[in-house]
Amino acid sequence: MWLLLILFLPVVRGSPALMAVSDAVSGPVRGSLTVQCRYEPGWETYNKWWCQGAELKSCRILVQTDGSEREARGDRVSIKDNQKLRVFTVTMEELRWNNADTYWCGIERYGPDLGVKVKVTIDPVTEQCHYSPGWETFMKSWCPDADLDTCTIFVETTGSEFKHTSSSFSIHHGGTQASGSRHILVWD
């Protein structure tokens, strides 16, 4: 009985058994980001997880270890535990705008799981599309897919607008340049 009290004494005194190296991380659209979560001795063989949602009690687990150091993979996300260093690493890949949210590093245990909040943001992107003189009054649009027949257009102009904004995207007609070329800027 006394042994159990001694093992959990650091938690009772307020020392965190689990902490994220950073409570906020970001990555670019279509890029990746990495989150590291450190834990105290004694938690090495427990399952570690990464979940998405505003509240720890109701977040959706995206990927989870099996208590070993083997990497576990989910949809565009992986988790790997280094038990010697007492740190698990989460990698999110092929980031999308809707990946911006609240996430949690967690350790599964009897009773309420341990969890620490991490805010994920997606960095704005700027794309330049050059066109020849004479195309200034034509409609301009931007879609992130390589197949123009099936892509979703995020923003477009009527052709003569200097700037058009839709949702989180903008098209900015760059005006004149010494070379006579024009460009479209897209950003958040």
N, C-alpha and C. Protein backbone atom coordinates (compact mmCIF):
# COMPACT_ATOMS: atom_id res chain seq x y z
N MET A 1 0.82 -1.20 0.00
CA MET A 1 0.00 0.00 0.00
C MET A 1 0.86 1.25 0.00
N TRP A 2 1.88 1.30 0.84
CA TRP A 2 2.75 2.48 0.89
C TRP A 2 3.53 2.65 -0.41
N LEU A 3 3.88 1.54 -1.03
CA LEU A 3 4.61 1.59 -2.29
C LEU A 3 3.78 2.31 -3.35
N LEU A 4 2.49 2.03 -3.43
CA LEU A 4 1.64 2.70 -4.40
C LEU A 4 1.57 4.20 -4.14
N LEU A 5 1.49 4.61 -2.91
CA LEU A 5 1.45 6.03 -2.58
C LEU A 5 2.74 6.72 -2.98
N ILE A 6 3.85 6.06 -2.80
CA ILE A 6 5.14 6.66 -3.17
C ILE A 6 5.25 6.79 -4.68
N LEU A 7 4.77 5.79 -5.44
CA LEU A 7 4.83 5.86 -6.90
C LEU A 7 4.01 7.02 -7.45
N PHE A 8 2.87 7.32 -6.85
CA PHE A 8 2.00 8.36 -7.35
C PHE A 8 2.18 9.69 -6.65
N LEU A 9 3.12 9.78 -5.72
CA LEU A 9 3.36 11.02 -5.00
C LEU A 9 3.68 12.19 -5.92
N PRO A 10 4.52 12.04 -6.96
CA PRO A 10 4.78 13.17 -7.84
C PRO A 10 3.52 13.71 -8.52
N VAL A 11 2.59 12.83 -8.86
CA VAL A 11 1.35 13.27 -9.49
C VAL A 11 0.51 14.05 -8.49
N VAL A 12 0.42 13.55 -7.27
CA VAL A 12 -0.37 14.22 -6.24
C VAL A 12 0.21 15.60 -5.91
N ARG A 13 1.53 15.73 -5.92
CA ARG A 13 2.17 17.00 -5.61
C ARG A 13 2.11 17.98 -6.77
N GLY A 14 1.59 17.55 -7.88
CA GLY A 14 1.41 18.49 -8.99
C GLY A 14 2.43 18.36 -10.10
N SER A 15 3.43 17.51 -9.96
CA SER A 15 4.37 17.30 -11.06
C SER A 15 3.65 16.55 -12.17
N PRO A 16 3.68 17.08 -13.38
CA PRO A 16 2.93 16.41 -14.44
C PRO A 16 3.57 15.07 -14.82
N ALA A 17 2.75 14.03 -14.88
CA ALA A 17 3.23 12.72 -15.32
C ALA A 17 3.38 12.69 -16.83
N LEU A 18 2.69 13.61 -17.51
CA LEU A 18 2.71 13.69 -18.97
C LEU A 18 2.74 15.15 -19.37
N MET A 19 3.62 15.49 -20.30
CA MET A 19 3.68 16.87 -20.79
C MET A 19 4.07 16.89 -22.26
N ALA A 20 3.48 17.82 -23.00
CA ALA A 20 3.85 18.01 -24.40
C ALA A 20 5.06 18.93 -24.44
N VAL A 21 5.99 18.65 -25.33
CA VAL A 21 7.17 19.51 -25.47
C VAL A 21 6.73 20.92 -25.85
N SER A 22 5.68 21.02 -26.67
CA SER A 22 5.10 22.31 -27.04
C SER A 22 3.59 22.18 -26.98
N ASP A 23 2.91 23.20 -26.45
CA ASP A 23 1.45 23.13 -26.38
C ASP A 23 0.77 23.66 -27.64
N ALA A 24 1.56 24.10 -28.62
CA ALA A 24 1.03 24.56 -29.89
C ALA A 24 2.05 24.24 -30.99
N VAL A 25 1.57 23.63 -32.07
CA VAL A 25 2.43 23.29 -33.20
C VAL A 25 1.72 23.68 -34.49
N SER A 26 2.48 23.84 -35.56
CA SER A 26 1.87 24.17 -36.84
C SER A 26 2.66 23.50 -37.96
N GLY A 27 1.99 23.39 -39.10
CA GLY A 27 2.61 22.83 -40.28
C GLY A 27 1.91 23.36 -41.52
N PRO A 28 2.55 23.25 -42.67
CA PRO A 28 1.97 23.78 -43.91
C PRO A 28 0.98 22.81 -44.54
N VAL A 29 0.04 23.35 -45.30
CA VAL A 29 -0.88 22.52 -46.06
C VAL A 29 -0.07 21.55 -46.92
N ARG A 30 -0.47 20.29 -46.94
CA ARG A 30 0.19 19.21 -47.65
C ARG A 30 1.53 18.80 -47.05
N GLY A 31 1.95 19.47 -45.98
CA GLY A 31 3.20 19.13 -45.31
C GLY A 31 2.95 18.22 -44.12
N SER A 32 3.86 18.27 -43.15
CA SER A 32 3.73 17.43 -41.97
C SER A 32 4.14 18.22 -40.73
N LEU A 33 3.80 17.68 -39.58
CA LEU A 33 4.24 18.25 -38.31
C LEU A 33 4.48 17.12 -37.34
N THR A 34 5.29 17.40 -36.32
CA THR A 34 5.64 16.41 -35.31
C THR A 34 5.40 16.99 -33.93
N VAL A 35 4.85 16.16 -33.05
CA VAL A 35 4.60 16.52 -31.66
C VAL A 35 5.29 15.49 -30.78
N GLN A 36 6.01 15.96 -29.77
CA GLN A 36 6.62 15.05 -28.81
C GLN A 36 5.97 15.23 -27.45
N CYS A 37 5.68 14.10 -26.80
CA CYS A 37 5.07 14.12 -25.48
C CYS A 37 5.95 13.28 -24.55
N ARG A 38 6.35 13.90 -23.44
CA ARG A 38 7.23 13.24 -22.48
C ARG A 38 6.42 12.76 -21.28
N TYR A 39 6.88 11.67 -20.68
CA TYR A 39 6.20 11.13 -19.51
C TYR A 39 7.21 10.71 -18.45
N GLU A 40 6.74 10.61 -17.23
CA GLU A 40 7.57 10.26 -16.08
C GLU A 40 7.85 8.75 -16.05
N PRO A 41 8.87 8.33 -15.31
CA PRO A 41 9.14 6.89 -15.16
C PRO A 41 7.91 6.17 -14.60
N GLY A 42 7.76 4.93 -15.03
CA GLY A 42 6.65 4.11 -14.58
C GLY A 42 5.55 3.95 -15.61
N TRP A 43 5.56 4.80 -16.66
CA TRP A 43 4.51 4.76 -17.68
C TRP A 43 4.99 4.13 -18.99
N GLU A 44 6.19 3.56 -19.00
CA GLU A 44 6.80 3.09 -20.23
C GLU A 44 5.94 2.08 -21.00
N THR A 45 5.34 1.10 -20.35
CA THR A 45 4.63 0.03 -21.07
C THR A 45 3.12 0.28 -21.20
N TYR A 46 2.67 1.45 -20.84
CA TYR A 46 1.26 1.81 -21.01
C TYR A 46 1.00 2.21 -22.46
N ASN A 47 -0.23 2.03 -22.92
CA ASN A 47 -0.60 2.47 -24.27
C ASN A 47 -0.59 4.00 -24.33
N LYS A 48 -0.01 4.55 -25.39
CA LYS A 48 -0.01 6.00 -25.64
C LYS A 48 -0.93 6.26 -26.82
N TRP A 49 -1.59 7.42 -26.83
CA TRP A 49 -2.52 7.72 -27.92
C TRP A 49 -2.49 9.20 -28.29
N TRP A 50 -3.10 9.51 -29.43
CA TRP A 50 -3.24 10.87 -29.97
C TRP A 50 -4.70 10.99 -30.40
N CYS A 51 -5.38 12.00 -29.87
CA CYS A 51 -6.79 12.14 -30.22
C CYS A 51 -7.12 13.58 -30.56
N GLN A 52 -8.25 13.76 -31.23
CA GLN A 52 -8.69 15.06 -31.73
C GLN A 52 -10.02 15.42 -31.09
N GLY A 53 -10.11 16.67 -30.60
CA GLY A 53 -11.36 17.14 -30.03
C GLY A 53 -11.12 18.16 -28.94
N ALA A 54 -12.09 19.01 -28.73
CA ALA A 54 -11.95 20.10 -27.76
C ALA A 54 -11.83 19.61 -26.33
N GLU A 55 -12.49 18.51 -26.00
CA GLU A 55 -12.49 18.00 -24.63
C GLU A 55 -11.81 16.64 -24.57
N LEU A 56 -11.00 16.43 -23.56
CA LEU A 56 -10.28 15.17 -23.38
C LEU A 56 -11.26 14.00 -23.26
N LYS A 57 -12.33 14.17 -22.54
CA LYS A 57 -13.28 13.07 -22.29
C LYS A 57 -14.00 12.61 -23.55
N SER A 58 -14.11 13.48 -24.54
CA SER A 58 -14.88 13.13 -25.74
C SER A 58 -14.05 13.16 -27.03
N CYS A 59 -12.74 13.27 -26.90
CA CYS A 59 -11.94 13.34 -28.13
C CYS A 59 -11.91 11.98 -28.82
N ARG A 60 -11.65 12.01 -30.12
CA ARG A 60 -11.62 10.80 -30.96
C ARG A 60 -10.17 10.36 -31.14
N ILE A 61 -9.85 9.15 -30.66
CA ILE A 61 -8.49 8.63 -30.79
C ILE A 61 -8.20 8.31 -32.25
N LEU A 62 -7.11 8.90 -32.76
CA LEU A 62 -6.72 8.73 -34.16
C LEU A 62 -5.69 7.62 -34.34
N VAL A 63 -4.84 7.44 -33.32
CA VAL A 63 -3.80 6.42 -33.39
C VAL A 63 -3.36 6.09 -31.96
N GLN A 64 -2.97 4.82 -31.74
CA GLN A 64 -2.63 4.38 -30.39
C GLN A 64 -1.56 3.30 -30.45
N THR A 65 -0.63 3.33 -29.49
CA THR A 65 0.38 2.27 -29.40
C THR A 65 -0.23 1.07 -28.68
N ASP A 66 0.51 -0.04 -28.68
CA ASP A 66 0.06 -1.24 -27.98
C ASP A 66 0.89 -1.48 -26.71
N GLY A 67 1.53 -0.42 -26.20
CA GLY A 67 2.37 -0.56 -25.01
C GLY A 67 3.80 -0.93 -25.34
N SER A 68 4.10 -1.07 -26.63
CA SER A 68 5.46 -1.39 -27.06
C SER A 68 6.07 -0.16 -27.73
N GLU A 69 7.26 -0.36 -28.30
CA GLU A 69 7.92 0.72 -29.03
C GLU A 69 7.62 0.66 -30.53
N ARG A 70 6.79 -0.29 -30.95
CA ARG A 70 6.44 -0.40 -32.37
C ARG A 70 5.63 0.82 -32.81
N GLU A 71 5.94 1.32 -34.00
CA GLU A 71 5.18 2.43 -34.56
C GLU A 71 3.77 1.96 -34.92
N ALA A 72 2.78 2.78 -34.59
CA ALA A 72 1.39 2.51 -34.98
C ALA A 72 0.99 3.59 -35.97
N ARG A 73 0.21 3.19 -37.00
CA ARG A 73 -0.19 4.13 -38.04
C ARG A 73 -1.71 4.20 -38.14
N GLY A 74 -2.19 5.41 -38.44
CA GLY A 74 -3.59 5.65 -38.72
C GLY A 74 -3.68 6.35 -40.06
N ASP A 75 -4.77 7.06 -40.30
CA ASP A 75 -4.96 7.80 -41.54
C ASP A 75 -4.13 9.08 -41.49
N ARG A 76 -3.00 9.10 -42.17
CA ARG A 76 -2.09 10.25 -42.25
C ARG A 76 -1.50 10.64 -40.90
N VAL A 77 -1.46 9.71 -39.94
CA VAL A 77 -0.90 10.00 -38.62
C VAL A 77 -0.20 8.74 -38.09
N SER A 78 0.91 8.94 -37.38
CA SER A 78 1.61 7.81 -36.77
C SER A 78 2.06 8.20 -35.37
N ILE A 79 2.33 7.18 -34.55
CA ILE A 79 2.79 7.39 -33.18
C ILE A 79 3.85 6.34 -32.88
N LYS A 80 4.93 6.77 -32.22
CA LYS A 80 6.02 5.86 -31.86
C LYS A 80 6.51 6.23 -30.48
N ASP A 81 6.65 5.24 -29.63
CA ASP A 81 7.07 5.44 -28.25
C ASP A 81 8.54 5.05 -28.10
N ASN A 82 9.35 5.92 -27.49
CA ASN A 82 10.73 5.61 -27.13
C ASN A 82 10.73 5.47 -25.61
N GLN A 83 10.65 4.23 -25.14
CA GLN A 83 10.50 3.99 -23.71
C GLN A 83 11.76 4.30 -22.92
N LYS A 84 12.92 4.19 -23.56
CA LYS A 84 14.16 4.52 -22.86
C LYS A 84 14.22 6.02 -22.55
N LEU A 85 13.83 6.86 -23.52
CA LEU A 85 13.83 8.31 -23.32
C LEU A 85 12.52 8.82 -22.70
N ARG A 86 11.52 7.93 -22.59
CA ARG A 86 10.21 8.27 -22.05
C ARG A 86 9.57 9.44 -22.82
N VAL A 87 9.52 9.25 -24.13
CA VAL A 87 8.89 10.25 -25.01
C VAL A 87 8.21 9.52 -26.17
N PHE A 88 6.99 9.92 -26.48
CA PHE A 88 6.38 9.38 -27.70
C PHE A 88 6.19 10.51 -28.69
N THR A 89 6.33 10.16 -29.95
CA THR A 89 6.31 11.13 -31.04
C THR A 89 5.13 10.85 -31.96
N VAL A 90 4.38 11.89 -32.23
CA VAL A 90 3.24 11.82 -33.15
C VAL A 90 3.61 12.61 -34.40
N THR A 91 3.37 12.03 -35.56
CA THR A 91 3.60 12.72 -36.83
C THR A 91 2.30 12.75 -37.62
N MET A 92 1.90 13.95 -38.00
CA MET A 92 0.73 14.12 -38.87
C MET A 92 1.26 14.49 -40.26
N GLU A 93 0.78 13.80 -41.29
CA GLU A 93 1.27 14.00 -42.66
C GLU A 93 0.16 14.46 -43.58
N GLU A 94 0.57 14.98 -44.75
CA GLU A 94 -0.39 15.45 -45.76
C GLU A 94 -1.46 16.33 -45.11
N LEU A 95 -1.00 17.35 -44.38
CA LEU A 95 -1.91 18.21 -43.63
C LEU A 95 -2.92 18.90 -44.53
N ARG A 96 -4.11 19.06 -43.99
CA ARG A 96 -5.21 19.74 -44.68
C ARG A 96 -5.69 20.88 -43.79
N TRP A 97 -6.44 21.80 -44.39
CA TRP A 97 -6.95 22.94 -43.62
C TRP A 97 -7.76 22.48 -42.42
N ASN A 98 -8.57 21.42 -42.60
CA ASN A 98 -9.44 20.97 -41.50
C ASN A 98 -8.70 20.20 -40.42
N ASN A 99 -7.38 20.04 -40.53
CA ASN A 99 -6.60 19.45 -39.45
C ASN A 99 -6.35 20.44 -38.31
N ALA A 100 -6.59 21.72 -38.54
CA ALA A 100 -6.43 22.72 -37.48
C ALA A 100 -7.49 22.44 -36.41
N ASP A 101 -7.03 22.14 -35.18
CA ASP A 101 -7.97 21.76 -34.12
C ASP A 101 -7.20 21.58 -32.81
N THR A 102 -7.92 21.18 -31.79
CA THR A 102 -7.33 20.81 -30.51
C THR A 102 -7.11 19.30 -30.51
N TYR A 103 -5.92 18.89 -30.10
CA TYR A 103 -5.55 17.48 -30.01
C TYR A 103 -5.05 17.20 -28.60
N TRP A 104 -4.87 15.92 -28.30
CA TRP A 104 -4.40 15.51 -26.97
C TRP A 104 -3.39 14.39 -27.10
N CYS A 105 -2.26 14.52 -26.38
CA CYS A 105 -1.35 13.40 -26.14
C CYS A 105 -1.92 12.69 -24.93
N GLY A 106 -1.96 11.36 -24.96
CA GLY A 106 -2.55 10.68 -23.82
C GLY A 106 -1.89 9.36 -23.49
N ILE A 107 -2.11 8.94 -22.25
CA ILE A 107 -1.68 7.63 -21.76
C ILE A 107 -2.90 6.94 -21.18
N GLU A 108 -3.15 5.74 -21.70
CA GLU A 108 -4.29 4.96 -21.22
C GLU A 108 -3.94 4.34 -19.87
N ARG A 109 -4.86 4.45 -18.93
CA ARG A 109 -4.64 3.87 -17.60
C ARG A 109 -5.98 3.51 -16.98
N TYR A 110 -5.93 2.80 -15.88
CA TYR A 110 -7.13 2.50 -15.14
C TYR A 110 -7.65 3.80 -14.54
N GLY A 111 -8.95 4.07 -14.70
CA GLY A 111 -9.50 5.36 -14.29
C GLY A 111 -9.36 6.33 -15.45
N PRO A 112 -9.48 7.62 -15.17
CA PRO A 112 -9.35 8.59 -16.27
C PRO A 112 -7.94 8.57 -16.88
N ASP A 113 -7.89 8.56 -18.21
CA ASP A 113 -6.59 8.59 -18.88
C ASP A 113 -5.87 9.90 -18.59
N LEU A 114 -4.54 9.86 -18.69
CA LEU A 114 -3.74 11.08 -18.61
C LEU A 114 -3.80 11.75 -19.98
N GLY A 115 -3.89 13.06 -20.01
CA GLY A 115 -3.91 13.75 -21.29
C GLY A 115 -3.40 15.16 -21.17
N VAL A 116 -2.76 15.65 -22.23
CA VAL A 116 -2.27 17.02 -22.28
C VAL A 116 -2.66 17.61 -23.64
N LYS A 117 -3.18 18.83 -23.61
CA LYS A 117 -3.71 19.49 -24.80
C LYS A 117 -2.60 20.07 -25.68
N VAL A 118 -2.80 19.92 -26.99
CA VAL A 118 -1.89 20.49 -27.99
C VAL A 118 -2.76 21.15 -29.08
N LYS A 119 -2.50 22.41 -29.34
CA LYS A 119 -3.23 23.15 -30.37
C LYS A 119 -2.47 23.02 -31.70
N VAL A 120 -3.16 22.55 -32.74
CA VAL A 120 -2.56 22.39 -34.06
C VAL A 120 -3.15 23.45 -34.98
N THR A 121 -2.27 24.20 -35.66
CA THR A 121 -2.69 25.17 -36.66
C THR A 121 -2.03 24.83 -37.99
N ILE A 122 -2.67 25.26 -39.05
CA ILE A 122 -2.15 25.04 -40.40
C ILE A 122 -1.69 26.38 -40.95
N ASP A 123 -0.45 26.41 -41.40
CA ASP A 123 0.15 27.65 -41.89
C ASP A 123 -0.44 28.09 -43.22
N PRO A 124 -0.58 29.40 -43.42
CA PRO A 124 -1.05 29.90 -44.72
C PRO A 124 -0.04 29.62 -45.82
N VAL A 125 -0.54 29.57 -47.02
CA VAL A 125 0.29 29.26 -48.18
C VAL A 125 0.14 30.36 -49.22
N THR A 126 1.21 30.70 -49.89
CA THR A 126 1.16 31.65 -51.00
C THR A 126 1.59 30.91 -52.27
N GLU A 127 0.77 31.02 -53.28
CA GLU A 127 1.08 30.42 -54.59
C GLU A 127 1.12 31.54 -55.62
N GLN A 128 2.08 31.49 -56.51
CA GLN A 128 2.12 32.46 -57.59
C GLN A 128 1.90 31.73 -58.91
N CYS A 129 0.98 32.27 -59.69
CA CYS A 129 0.66 31.71 -61.00
C CYS A 129 0.86 32.83 -62.03
N HIS A 130 1.81 32.67 -62.90
CA HIS A 130 2.12 33.70 -63.88
C HIS A 130 1.33 33.49 -65.17
N TYR A 131 0.95 34.58 -65.80
CA TYR A 131 0.28 34.51 -67.09
C TYR A 131 0.76 35.67 -67.95
N SER A 132 0.56 35.53 -69.23
CA SER A 132 1.06 36.51 -70.20
C SER A 132 0.16 37.73 -70.28
N PRO A 133 0.70 38.85 -70.77
CA PRO A 133 -0.12 40.04 -70.97
C PRO A 133 -1.30 39.72 -71.89
N GLY A 134 -2.42 40.37 -71.64
CA GLY A 134 -3.61 40.14 -72.43
C GLY A 134 -4.65 39.29 -71.71
N TRP A 135 -4.25 38.63 -70.63
CA TRP A 135 -5.16 37.76 -69.88
C TRP A 135 -5.73 38.46 -68.64
N GLU A 136 -5.47 39.74 -68.48
CA GLU A 136 -5.89 40.47 -67.27
C GLU A 136 -7.40 40.41 -67.02
N THR A 137 -8.22 40.45 -68.04
CA THR A 137 -9.67 40.52 -67.85
C THR A 137 -10.33 39.15 -67.85
N PHE A 138 -9.56 38.08 -68.00
CA PHE A 138 -10.12 36.74 -67.97
C PHE A 138 -10.30 36.26 -66.53
N MET A 139 -11.28 35.36 -66.32
CA MET A 139 -11.51 34.81 -64.99
C MET A 139 -10.29 34.02 -64.53
N LYS A 140 -9.94 34.18 -63.26
CA LYS A 140 -8.85 33.43 -62.64
C LYS A 140 -9.43 32.61 -61.49
N SER A 141 -8.96 31.38 -61.34
CA SER A 141 -9.44 30.53 -60.25
C SER A 141 -8.28 29.73 -59.69
N TRP A 142 -8.50 29.18 -58.49
CA TRP A 142 -7.47 28.37 -57.85
C TRP A 142 -8.10 27.13 -57.26
N CYS A 143 -7.49 26.01 -57.59
CA CYS A 143 -7.92 24.73 -57.05
C CYS A 143 -6.65 23.93 -56.80
N PRO A 144 -6.55 23.22 -55.67
CA PRO A 144 -5.30 22.57 -55.30
C PRO A 144 -5.05 21.22 -55.97
N ASP A 145 -5.96 20.75 -56.80
CA ASP A 145 -5.83 19.43 -57.39
C ASP A 145 -5.19 19.52 -58.77
N ALA A 146 -4.47 18.49 -59.15
CA ALA A 146 -3.82 18.48 -60.46
C ALA A 146 -4.81 18.20 -61.59
N ASP A 147 -5.92 17.55 -61.29
CA ASP A 147 -6.91 17.23 -62.31
C ASP A 147 -7.97 18.33 -62.34
N LEU A 148 -7.92 19.18 -63.37
CA LEU A 148 -8.82 20.33 -63.45
C LEU A 148 -10.27 19.93 -63.65
N ASP A 149 -10.53 18.72 -64.16
CA ASP A 149 -11.91 18.28 -64.39
C ASP A 149 -12.63 17.90 -63.10
N THR A 150 -11.89 17.49 -62.08
CA THR A 150 -12.52 17.02 -60.84
C THR A 150 -12.18 17.86 -59.61
N CYS A 151 -11.36 18.88 -59.77
CA CYS A 151 -10.94 19.64 -58.59
C CYS A 151 -12.04 20.56 -58.08
N THR A 152 -11.94 20.92 -56.81
CA THR A 152 -12.87 21.86 -56.19
C THR A 152 -12.23 23.23 -56.23
N ILE A 153 -12.88 24.18 -56.86
CA ILE A 153 -12.34 25.55 -56.95
C ILE A 153 -12.59 26.25 -55.63
N PHE A 154 -11.53 26.72 -55.00
CA PHE A 154 -11.64 27.40 -53.72
C PHE A 154 -11.99 28.88 -53.86
N VAL A 155 -11.48 29.50 -54.90
CA VAL A 155 -11.75 30.92 -55.11
C VAL A 155 -11.58 31.23 -56.59
N GLU A 156 -12.40 32.16 -57.10
CA GLU A 156 -12.25 32.59 -58.50
C GLU A 156 -12.72 34.04 -58.62
N THR A 157 -12.24 34.69 -59.67
CA THR A 157 -12.64 36.07 -59.94
C THR A 157 -13.58 36.10 -61.13
N THR A 158 -14.21 37.25 -61.33
CA THR A 158 -15.03 37.42 -62.54
C THR A 158 -14.16 37.82 -63.71
N GLY A 159 -12.93 38.17 -63.44
CA GLY A 159 -11.99 38.51 -64.51
C GLY A 159 -11.39 39.88 -64.35
N SER A 160 -12.19 40.89 -64.01
CA SER A 160 -11.67 42.25 -63.95
C SER A 160 -11.37 42.70 -62.52
N GLU A 161 -11.65 41.85 -61.52
CA GLU A 161 -11.41 42.25 -60.13
C GLU A 161 -9.92 42.32 -59.82
N PHE A 162 -9.55 43.29 -59.00
CA PHE A 162 -8.17 43.41 -58.55
C PHE A 162 -7.89 42.38 -57.45
N LYS A 163 -8.88 42.15 -56.57
CA LYS A 163 -8.74 41.18 -55.49
C LYS A 163 -10.10 40.56 -55.20
N HIS A 164 -10.12 39.25 -54.97
CA HIS A 164 -11.36 38.56 -54.62
C HIS A 164 -11.05 37.58 -53.48
N THR A 165 -11.90 37.57 -52.46
CA THR A 165 -11.70 36.70 -51.31
C THR A 165 -12.91 35.79 -51.15
N SER A 166 -12.65 34.53 -50.84
CA SER A 166 -13.70 33.56 -50.59
C SER A 166 -13.21 32.61 -49.51
N SER A 167 -13.98 32.48 -48.43
CA SER A 167 -13.61 31.59 -47.32
C SER A 167 -12.24 32.00 -46.80
N SER A 168 -11.27 31.10 -46.84
CA SER A 168 -9.93 31.39 -46.33
C SER A 168 -8.93 31.69 -47.44
N PHE A 169 -9.41 31.92 -48.67
CA PHE A 169 -8.53 32.10 -49.80
C PHE A 169 -8.77 33.43 -50.48
N SER A 170 -7.71 33.96 -51.11
CA SER A 170 -7.81 35.20 -51.85
C SER A 170 -7.06 35.07 -53.16
N ILE A 171 -7.56 35.78 -54.17
CA ILE A 171 -6.81 35.94 -55.42
C ILE A 171 -6.52 37.42 -55.54
N HIS A 172 -5.27 37.72 -55.79
CA HIS A 172 -4.84 39.12 -55.90
C HIS A 172 -4.17 39.29 -57.25
N HIS A 173 -4.74 40.12 -58.08
CA HIS A 173 -4.15 40.42 -59.38
C HIS A 173 -3.01 41.39 -59.13
N GLY A 174 -1.80 40.99 -59.49
CA GLY A 174 -0.61 41.73 -59.11
C GLY A 174 -0.37 43.04 -59.85
N GLY A 175 -1.16 43.37 -60.84
CA GLY A 175 -0.95 44.62 -61.56
C GLY A 175 0.22 44.53 -62.51
N THR A 176 0.81 45.66 -62.82
CA THR A 176 1.88 45.65 -63.82
C THR A 176 3.23 45.32 -63.20
N GLN A 177 4.03 44.69 -63.97
CA GLN A 177 5.41 44.42 -63.60
C GLN A 177 6.27 44.83 -64.79
N ALA A 178 7.54 45.04 -64.55
CA ALA A 178 8.44 45.48 -65.62
C ALA A 178 8.44 44.50 -66.80
N SER A 179 8.30 43.20 -66.53
CA SER A 179 8.35 42.23 -67.61
C SER A 179 7.03 42.13 -68.36
N GLY A 180 5.99 42.71 -67.81
CA GLY A 180 4.69 42.64 -68.45
C GLY A 180 3.88 41.42 -68.02
N SER A 181 4.46 40.52 -67.22
CA SER A 181 3.69 39.35 -66.78
C SER A 181 2.85 39.72 -65.56
N ARG A 182 1.85 38.93 -65.31
CA ARG A 182 0.96 39.14 -64.17
C ARG A 182 1.03 37.90 -63.28
N HIS A 183 0.55 38.00 -62.06
CA HIS A 183 0.53 36.81 -61.21
C HIS A 183 -0.68 36.82 -60.30
N ILE A 184 -1.01 35.65 -59.80
CA ILE A 184 -2.10 35.47 -58.87
C ILE A 184 -1.49 35.05 -57.53
N LEU A 185 -1.88 35.70 -56.47
CA LEU A 185 -1.41 35.31 -55.15
C LEU A 185 -2.58 34.71 -54.38
N VAL A 186 -2.35 33.59 -53.76
CA VAL A 186 -3.37 32.93 -52.95
C VAL A 186 -2.80 32.78 -51.55
N TRP A 187 -3.55 33.23 -50.57
CA TRP A 187 -3.07 33.12 -49.18
C TRP A 187 -4.24 33.05 -48.25
N ASP A 188 -3.96 32.73 -47.00
CA ASP A 188 -5.00 32.66 -45.97
C ASP A 188 -5.12 34.00 -45.28
